[in-house]
Amino acid sequence: ECHRWLFAGLQLAALLSVGLVAVAIVGVALLGRAGIHPDVIVLLQPYLDALLWSVPALLAYTVFRRYLQAMNAVRPVMVTLVTANVINAVGNWALVYGHWGCPALGVVGSAYATLAARIYLAAMLFGVIWYRERARPSGLHDVPFAIDLPRVRALAALGVSAALQISLEVGVFATASALAATLTPIALAANQVVLNVVSFFFMVPLGISSAAAVRVGQAVGRRDPHGVRLAGWAALSLAVAFALIMSAMFSLAPQP
């Protein structure tokens, strides 16, 4: 059953990839009409043209990550994420500035580095799943990869509320960035620096939320309402405590 849901997740990711890439192609083509500063648009369009092809790999990685989290196999996910960031950083250093004999591609080089890192993420986690389950009965090799529309629909119905919440959350920041891009390149860069700093610390409550989703889901599965409450409130308490500490740091010592 777990493998059937894994395959259904991949099928949903494939369907979403087609739609999202198509929408992104149109959106990138229409960016010139959004009032973005000309000095920004000339860099933004080729960057996004290269980056949008990483969407299938990113969605496949998301499916593999959630599957492994549900199996309590989180260490491989952490190691893969850390090494992917190293690959991304090295790729940026080589492709943006032209080191190691690579062409200096500027911002497009950064998009290619991200594309490589996302392909690496999906490939590595698939390898982890295959390695863990290659010899088990009812393993990946025993389950047909036939399209299972009822499961795909069930996943979509279950995930749509979380998807809308994340879309609204990310959309607010994307809108702010788009508004900054209509001012000056410096305003956009400053906005991006601030978002990078905030996003770095946001990874902690995001990680806690992923753990909470697994623990709450497992408690629901074993019909343990007390376990649901314990896991949910523990996660909320940890996230709020961390947020208060970081807010105090930003308020008391913003310059460092």
Protein backbone atom coordinates (compact mmCIF):
# COMPACT_ATOMS: atom_id res chain seq x y z
CA GLU A 1 0.00 0.00 0.00
CA CYS A 2 2.83 2.40 0.83
CA HIS A 3 4.38 1.81 -2.58
CA ARG A 4 1.05 2.32 -4.32
CA TRP A 5 0.69 5.69 -2.60
CA LEU A 6 4.27 6.54 -3.53
CA PHE A 7 3.54 5.85 -7.19
CA ALA A 8 0.29 7.84 -6.99
CA GLY A 9 2.29 10.76 -5.61
CA LEU A 10 4.71 10.55 -8.52
CA GLN A 11 1.81 10.44 -10.98
CA LEU A 12 0.28 13.54 -9.39
CA ALA A 13 3.70 15.24 -9.51
CA ALA A 14 3.99 14.43 -13.21
CA LEU A 15 0.56 15.92 -13.94
CA LEU A 16 1.34 19.03 -11.91
CA SER A 17 4.73 19.41 -13.60
CA VAL A 18 3.15 19.65 -17.05
CA GLY A 19 0.65 22.27 -15.88
CA LEU A 20 3.13 24.30 -13.84
CA VAL A 21 5.80 24.39 -16.57
CA ALA A 22 3.18 25.45 -19.13
CA VAL A 23 1.93 28.25 -16.86
CA ALA A 24 5.51 29.30 -16.09
CA ILE A 25 6.44 29.54 -19.79
CA VAL A 26 3.50 31.87 -20.40
CA GLY A 27 4.20 33.83 -17.22
CA VAL A 28 7.87 34.37 -18.08
CA ALA A 29 6.89 35.57 -21.56
CA LEU A 30 4.48 38.12 -20.04
CA LEU A 31 6.93 39.48 -17.44
CA GLY A 32 7.74 42.42 -19.67
CA ARG A 33 4.22 43.74 -19.12
CA ALA A 34 4.46 43.62 -15.31
CA GLY A 35 6.21 46.98 -14.95
CA ILE A 36 9.47 45.38 -13.76
CA HIS A 37 12.57 47.57 -14.07
CA PRO A 38 14.26 47.04 -17.49
CA ASP A 39 17.64 46.31 -15.85
CA VAL A 40 15.98 43.51 -13.88
CA ILE A 41 13.85 42.01 -16.64
CA VAL A 42 16.85 41.45 -18.91
CA LEU A 43 18.35 39.17 -16.21
CA LEU A 44 15.12 37.70 -14.84
CA GLN A 45 13.64 36.19 -18.00
CA PRO A 46 16.63 34.02 -19.02
CA TYR A 47 17.09 32.96 -15.39
CA LEU A 48 13.50 31.76 -15.10
CA ASP A 49 13.59 30.17 -18.57
CA ALA A 50 16.39 27.90 -17.34
CA LEU A 51 15.01 27.36 -13.82
CA LEU A 52 11.50 26.27 -14.75
CA TRP A 53 12.80 22.95 -16.13
CA SER A 54 13.74 21.96 -12.58
CA VAL A 55 10.06 21.76 -11.57
CA PRO A 56 9.63 18.01 -12.35
CA ALA A 57 12.74 17.10 -10.36
CA LEU A 58 11.67 19.31 -7.46
CA LEU A 59 8.21 17.74 -7.26
CA ALA A 60 9.63 14.22 -7.53
CA TYR A 61 12.05 15.04 -4.71
CA THR A 62 9.12 16.29 -2.61
CA VAL A 63 7.28 13.00 -3.08
CA PHE A 64 10.36 10.94 -2.18
CA ARG A 65 11.09 13.13 0.85
CA ARG A 66 7.59 12.86 2.29
CA TYR A 67 7.57 9.11 1.68
CA LEU A 68 10.86 8.65 3.56
CA GLN A 69 9.68 10.94 6.37
CA ALA A 70 6.57 8.80 6.81
CA MET A 71 8.90 5.78 7.12
CA ASN A 72 10.94 7.63 9.80
CA ALA A 73 13.98 7.59 7.47
CA VAL A 74 14.96 11.24 7.87
CA ARG A 75 18.76 11.04 8.11
CA PRO A 76 19.18 10.32 4.35
CA VAL A 77 16.94 13.31 3.60
CA MET A 78 19.07 15.59 5.78
CA VAL A 79 22.35 14.36 4.28
CA THR A 80 20.99 14.74 0.75
CA LEU A 81 19.76 18.27 1.44
CA VAL A 82 23.07 19.38 2.93
CA THR A 83 25.11 17.93 0.06
CA ALA A 84 22.68 19.42 -2.49
CA ASN A 85 23.30 22.86 -1.01
CA VAL A 86 27.04 22.27 -1.38
CA ILE A 87 26.53 21.27 -5.03
CA ASN A 88 24.42 24.37 -5.58
CA ALA A 89 27.03 26.64 -3.99
CA VAL A 90 29.91 25.12 -5.97
CA GLY A 91 27.82 25.25 -9.15
CA ASN A 92 27.12 28.93 -8.55
CA TRP A 93 30.80 29.64 -7.96
CA ALA A 94 31.79 27.85 -11.17
CA LEU A 95 28.96 28.87 -13.52
CA VAL A 96 28.20 32.41 -12.38
CA TYR A 97 31.82 33.59 -12.36
CA GLY A 98 33.42 31.18 -14.85
CA HIS A 99 35.79 29.22 -12.59
CA TRP A 100 37.32 25.81 -13.40
CA GLY A 101 37.16 26.50 -17.11
CA CYS A 102 33.38 26.94 -17.07
CA PRO A 103 31.77 29.78 -19.01
CA ALA A 104 30.79 32.85 -16.93
CA LEU A 105 27.02 32.66 -17.36
CA GLY A 106 25.98 35.14 -14.67
CA VAL A 107 22.48 34.67 -13.27
CA VAL A 108 21.69 31.96 -15.83
CA GLY A 109 24.59 29.98 -14.41
CA SER A 110 22.92 30.21 -11.01
CA ALA A 111 19.73 28.73 -12.53
CA TYR A 112 21.71 25.83 -14.00
CA ALA A 113 23.36 25.20 -10.61
CA THR A 114 19.92 25.04 -8.98
CA LEU A 115 18.67 22.73 -11.74
CA ALA A 116 21.60 20.38 -11.12
CA ALA A 117 21.03 20.43 -7.36
CA ARG A 118 17.32 19.59 -7.74
CA ILE A 119 18.02 16.70 -10.12
CA TYR A 120 20.56 15.46 -7.59
CA LEU A 121 17.96 15.68 -4.79
CA ALA A 122 15.41 13.59 -6.70
CA ALA A 123 17.97 11.02 -7.91
CA MET A 124 19.57 10.55 -4.50
CA LEU A 125 16.32 10.05 -2.60
CA PHE A 126 15.04 7.63 -5.23
CA GLY A 127 18.31 5.74 -4.79
CA VAL A 128 17.79 5.69 -1.01
CA ILE A 129 14.27 4.26 -1.40
CA TRP A 130 15.46 1.65 -3.88
CA TYR A 131 18.39 0.64 -1.65
CA ARG A 132 16.25 0.36 1.50
CA GLU A 133 13.52 -1.70 -0.13
CA ARG A 134 15.23 -3.60 -2.94
CA ALA A 135 15.11 -6.97 -1.13
CA ARG A 136 11.82 -6.61 0.71
CA PRO A 137 8.67 -8.54 -0.18
CA SER A 138 6.12 -6.32 -1.92
CA GLY A 139 8.95 -3.98 -2.82
CA LEU A 140 8.99 -1.44 -5.62
CA HIS A 141 9.45 -4.21 -8.18
CA ASP A 142 6.22 -5.93 -7.12
CA VAL A 143 3.88 -2.97 -7.55
CA PRO A 144 2.74 -1.95 -11.05
CA PHE A 145 3.25 1.69 -11.95
CA ALA A 146 -0.22 1.82 -13.52
CA ILE A 147 -2.03 5.14 -13.31
CA ASP A 148 -4.34 5.00 -10.29
CA LEU A 149 -6.72 7.94 -10.67
CA PRO A 150 -8.70 7.34 -7.44
CA ARG A 151 -5.48 7.48 -5.40
CA VAL A 152 -4.25 10.54 -7.31
CA ARG A 153 -7.56 12.29 -6.64
CA ALA A 154 -7.43 11.32 -2.97
CA LEU A 155 -3.92 12.76 -2.63
CA ALA A 156 -4.98 15.96 -4.39
CA ALA A 157 -8.03 16.34 -2.15
CA LEU A 158 -5.98 15.74 0.99
CA GLY A 159 -3.19 18.09 -0.05
CA VAL A 160 -5.12 20.98 -1.55
CA SER A 161 -5.65 22.84 1.75
CA ALA A 162 -1.94 22.71 2.61
CA ALA A 163 -1.08 23.65 -0.98
CA LEU A 164 -3.35 26.71 -0.87
CA GLN A 165 -1.88 27.81 2.46
CA ILE A 166 1.69 27.52 1.16
CA SER A 167 0.73 29.23 -2.13
CA LEU A 168 -0.75 32.19 -0.25
CA GLU A 169 2.29 32.37 2.03
CA VAL A 170 4.83 32.23 -0.80
CA GLY A 171 2.61 34.45 -2.95
CA VAL A 172 2.81 37.30 -0.44
CA PHE A 173 6.62 37.27 -0.55
CA ALA A 174 6.65 36.86 -4.33
CA THR A 175 4.31 39.85 -4.68
CA ALA A 176 6.55 41.95 -2.44
CA SER A 177 9.57 40.97 -4.55
CA ALA A 178 7.68 41.84 -7.74
CA LEU A 179 6.80 45.25 -6.32
CA ALA A 180 10.45 45.82 -5.34
CA ALA A 181 11.45 44.88 -8.89
CA THR A 182 9.37 47.76 -10.24
CA LEU A 183 11.52 50.23 -8.27
CA THR A 184 15.26 49.74 -8.78
CA PRO A 185 17.65 46.78 -9.01
CA ILE A 186 19.12 47.84 -5.65
CA ALA A 187 15.68 47.76 -4.00
CA LEU A 188 15.09 44.27 -5.36
CA ALA A 189 18.53 43.09 -4.21
CA ALA A 190 17.97 44.50 -0.71
CA ASN A 191 14.59 42.79 -0.50
CA GLN A 192 16.19 39.51 -1.58
CA VAL A 193 18.95 39.77 1.04
CA VAL A 194 16.37 40.25 3.79
CA LEU A 195 14.26 37.34 2.50
CA ASN A 196 17.33 35.09 2.42
CA VAL A 197 18.15 35.91 6.05
CA VAL A 198 14.59 35.35 7.22
CA SER A 199 14.20 32.19 5.12
CA PHE A 200 17.37 30.72 6.64
CA PHE A 201 15.83 30.81 10.13
CA PHE A 202 12.40 29.83 8.81
CA MET A 203 13.88 26.42 7.93
CA VAL A 204 13.76 25.48 11.64
CA PRO A 205 9.98 25.77 12.14
CA LEU A 206 9.50 24.33 8.65
CA GLY A 207 11.47 21.25 9.69
CA ILE A 208 9.46 21.01 12.91
CA SER A 209 6.25 21.17 10.86
CA SER A 210 7.43 18.30 8.66
CA ALA A 211 8.11 16.20 11.75
CA ALA A 212 4.70 17.17 13.17
CA ALA A 213 2.95 16.11 9.97
CA VAL A 214 4.51 12.66 10.26
CA ARG A 215 3.87 12.22 14.00
CA VAL A 216 0.29 13.49 13.82
CA GLY A 217 -0.40 11.38 10.74
CA GLN A 218 0.93 8.26 12.43
CA ALA A 219 -1.16 8.96 15.52
CA VAL A 220 -4.27 9.41 13.37
CA GLY A 221 -3.48 6.13 11.63
CA ARG A 222 -3.31 4.22 14.91
CA ARG A 223 -6.46 6.03 16.20
CA ASP A 224 -4.62 7.74 19.05
CA PRO A 225 -6.21 11.18 19.66
CA HIS A 226 -4.01 11.75 22.71
CA GLY A 227 -0.91 11.20 20.55
CA VAL A 228 -2.31 13.62 17.97
CA ARG A 229 -2.65 16.34 20.60
CA LEU A 230 0.78 15.68 22.12
CA ALA A 231 2.57 15.81 18.76
CA GLY A 232 0.63 18.84 17.55
CA TRP A 233 1.09 20.94 20.68
CA ALA A 234 4.77 19.94 21.00
CA ALA A 235 5.41 21.14 17.47
CA LEU A 236 3.48 24.39 17.96
CA SER A 237 5.29 25.10 21.24
CA LEU A 238 8.74 24.48 19.71
CA ALA A 239 7.97 26.64 16.66
CA VAL A 240 6.54 29.54 18.70
CA ALA A 241 9.47 29.44 21.15
CA PHE A 242 12.00 29.53 18.30
CA ALA A 243 10.09 32.34 16.55
CA LEU A 244 10.08 34.45 19.73
CA ILE A 245 13.84 33.95 20.18
CA MET A 246 14.58 34.91 16.56
CA SER A 247 12.23 37.91 16.71
CA ALA A 248 14.06 39.13 19.81
CA MET A 249 17.42 38.72 18.05
CA PHE A 250 16.26 40.67 15.00
CA SER A 251 14.86 43.43 17.23
CA LEU A 252 17.78 43.72 19.67
CA ALA A 253 20.72 43.14 17.28
CA PRO A 254 19.55 43.75 13.71
CA GLN A 255 22.88 44.99 12.30
CA PRO A 256 24.94 41.78 12.80
